[in-house]
């Protein structure tokens, strides 16, 4: 799973892939950590889907953009 650390990375990922599964999470979020294996599985099994993760504490603009 790709880690998105900047808004430029996010924009690039959106433009380069037809399908993007975006995990919006935080390091302190227990439900986010429990869901991680599902995202890893999709990433491993589906080459046609880009799976990426954004830490909302690192990119608060994304959090606001998605109303998280």
Foldseek 3Di string as FASTA:
>chain_A
DAEDQDVVSVVVVPVPAPAEAEQEEAPPDPVSVVCVVVLVVCCVPPPRYHYYYYHCVRPVVVCVVVVD
